[in-house]
Amino acid sequence: MSLILGRGNKSLRVKTFGSGDGTVLLGGYEISMKDFLIAAEYVLTNTDLGRNDPRLKFTKMVKRLKEVEGSNPSKKRLK
């Protein structure tokens, strides 16, 4: 399954492969999960917060995530 992000006539496909050491496909770019998370940290911390900054809502959602049973036997996922 993929996530499609779009605005107007442009879209960006996001897909993950593998587990924690897997890869992330962002449009035509394939990067390691580790590099994706480094980029996410950069986006979250690089600039001052603005009014109604979506990063605040995102970090609150991440704090609420819990480990649950995964799709595969003896595997876990975040929900």
C-alpha atoms as a PDB file:
ATOM      1  CA  MET A   1       0.000   0.000   0.000  1.00  0.00           C
ATOM      2  CA  SER A   2       1.161   3.524  -0.787  1.00  0.00           C
ATOM      3  CA  LEU A   3       0.300   6.972   0.480  1.00  0.00           C
ATOM      4  CA  ILE A   4      -0.401   9.524  -2.245  1.00  0.00           C
ATOM      5  CA  LEU A   5       0.057  13.172  -1.299  1.00  0.00           C
ATOM      6  CA  GLY A   6      -1.176  15.728  -3.766  1.00  0.00           C
ATOM      7  CA  ARG A   7      -1.937  19.315  -4.470  1.00  0.00           C
ATOM      8  CA  GLY A   8      -3.632  20.230  -7.723  1.00  0.00           C
ATOM      9  CA  ASN A   9      -2.327  18.127 -10.586  1.00  0.00           C
ATOM     10  CA  LYS A  10       0.895  17.103  -8.799  1.00  0.00           C
ATOM     11  CA  SER A  11       1.228  14.146  -6.463  1.00  0.00           C
ATOM     12  CA  LEU A  12       3.910  12.409  -4.438  1.00  0.00           C
ATOM     13  CA  ARG A  13       3.847   8.674  -3.764  1.00  0.00           C
ATOM     14  CA  VAL A  14       5.193   7.506  -0.398  1.00  0.00           C
ATOM     15  CA  LYS A  15       5.829   3.820   0.267  1.00  0.00           C
ATOM     16  CA  THR A  16       7.813   1.818   2.802  1.00  0.00           C
ATOM     17  CA  PHE A  17       9.615  -1.468   2.203  1.00  0.00           C
ATOM     18  CA  GLY A  18      10.789  -3.798   4.940  1.00  0.00           C
ATOM     19  CA  SER A  19      10.699  -3.073   8.642  1.00  0.00           C
ATOM     20  CA  GLY A  20      12.750  -0.682  10.807  1.00  0.00           C
ATOM     21  CA  ASP A  21      15.861  -1.176   8.682  1.00  0.00           C
ATOM     22  CA  GLY A  22      13.902  -0.927   5.440  1.00  0.00           C
ATOM     23  CA  THR A  23      13.643   1.784   2.839  1.00  0.00           C
ATOM     24  CA  VAL A  24      11.269   4.633   2.062  1.00  0.00           C
ATOM     25  CA  LEU A  25      10.231   5.540  -1.472  1.00  0.00           C
ATOM     26  CA  LEU A  26       9.480   9.286  -1.847  1.00  0.00           C
ATOM     27  CA  GLY A  27       8.422   9.969  -5.385  1.00  0.00           C
ATOM     28  CA  GLY A  28      11.356   8.741  -7.462  1.00  0.00           C
ATOM     29  CA  TYR A  29      13.784   8.682  -4.532  1.00  0.00           C
ATOM     30  CA  GLU A  30      14.538   5.612  -2.437  1.00  0.00           C
ATOM     31  CA  ILE A  31      16.241   6.336   0.899  1.00  0.00           C
ATOM     32  CA  SER A  32      16.952   4.324   4.011  1.00  0.00           C
ATOM     33  CA  MET A  33      14.481   4.488   6.892  1.00  0.00           C
ATOM     34  CA  LYS A  34      17.290   5.965   9.001  1.00  0.00           C
ATOM     35  CA  ASP A  35      17.892   8.796   6.503  1.00  0.00           C
ATOM     36  CA  PHE A  36      14.142   9.465   6.271  1.00  0.00           C
ATOM     37  CA  LEU A  37      13.943   9.830  10.062  1.00  0.00           C
ATOM     38  CA  ILE A  38      16.995  12.131  10.080  1.00  0.00           C
ATOM     39  CA  ALA A  39      15.201  14.312   7.511  1.00  0.00           C
ATOM     40  CA  ALA A  40      12.026  14.271   9.624  1.00  0.00           C
ATOM     41  CA  GLU A  41      13.973  15.380  12.698  1.00  0.00           C
ATOM     42  CA  TYR A  42      15.536  18.191  10.650  1.00  0.00           C
ATOM     43  CA  VAL A  43      12.101  19.399   9.489  1.00  0.00           C
ATOM     44  CA  LEU A  44      10.784  19.300  13.072  1.00  0.00           C
ATOM     45  CA  THR A  45      13.687  21.141  14.684  1.00  0.00           C
ATOM     46  CA  ASN A  46      15.315  23.432  12.117  1.00  0.00           C
ATOM     47  CA  THR A  47      13.054  26.494  12.357  1.00  0.00           C
ATOM     48  CA  ASP A  48      11.068  28.350  14.999  1.00  0.00           C
ATOM     49  CA  LEU A  49       7.453  27.367  15.482  1.00  0.00           C
ATOM     50  CA  GLY A  50       4.781  29.496  13.848  1.00  0.00           C
ATOM     51  CA  ARG A  51       1.169  30.177  14.728  1.00  0.00           C
ATOM     52  CA  ASN A  52      -0.886  26.956  14.387  1.00  0.00           C
ATOM     53  CA  ASP A  53       2.307  25.134  13.365  1.00  0.00           C
ATOM     54  CA  PRO A  54       1.424  21.616  12.089  1.00  0.00           C
ATOM     55  CA  ARG A  55       4.585  20.226  13.706  1.00  0.00           C
ATOM     56  CA  LEU A  56       2.957  20.609  17.138  1.00  0.00           C
ATOM     57  CA  LYS A  57      -0.070  18.534  16.108  1.00  0.00           C
ATOM     58  CA  PHE A  58       2.242  15.942  14.544  1.00  0.00           C
ATOM     59  CA  THR A  59       4.469  15.574  17.626  1.00  0.00           C
ATOM     60  CA  LYS A  60       1.395  15.185  19.870  1.00  0.00           C
ATOM     61  CA  MET A  61       0.114  12.412  17.578  1.00  0.00           C
ATOM     62  CA  VAL A  62       3.509  10.651  17.666  1.00  0.00           C
ATOM     63  CA  LYS A  63       3.532  10.760  21.486  1.00  0.00           C
ATOM     64  CA  ARG A  64       0.174   8.912  21.518  1.00  0.00           C
ATOM     65  CA  LEU A  65       1.380   6.010  19.348  1.00  0.00           C
ATOM     66  CA  LYS A  66       1.365   2.576  20.978  1.00  0.00           C
ATOM     67  CA  GLU A  67       2.970  -0.718  20.020  1.00  0.00           C
ATOM     68  CA  VAL A  68       0.358  -3.217  18.819  1.00  0.00           C
ATOM     69  CA  GLU A  69       0.372  -6.630  17.145  1.00  0.00           C
ATOM     70  CA  GLY A  70       1.593  -6.418  13.570  1.00  0.00           C
ATOM     71  CA  SER A  71       0.299  -8.019  10.384  1.00  0.00           C
ATOM     72  CA  ASN A  72       2.901 -10.777  10.527  1.00  0.00           C
ATOM     73  CA  PRO A  73       3.268 -13.370  13.309  1.00  0.00           C
ATOM     74  CA  SER A  74       5.370 -12.156  16.268  1.00  0.00           C
ATOM     75  CA  LYS A  75       5.801  -8.699  14.683  1.00  0.00           C
ATOM     76  CA  LYS A  76       4.746  -5.330  16.124  1.00  0.00           C
ATOM     77  CA  ARG A  77       3.727  -2.012  14.606  1.00  0.00           C
ATOM     78  CA  LEU A  78       2.840   1.451  15.855  1.00  0.00           C
ATOM     79  CA  LYS A  79      -0.793   2.540  15.945  1.00  0.00           C
END
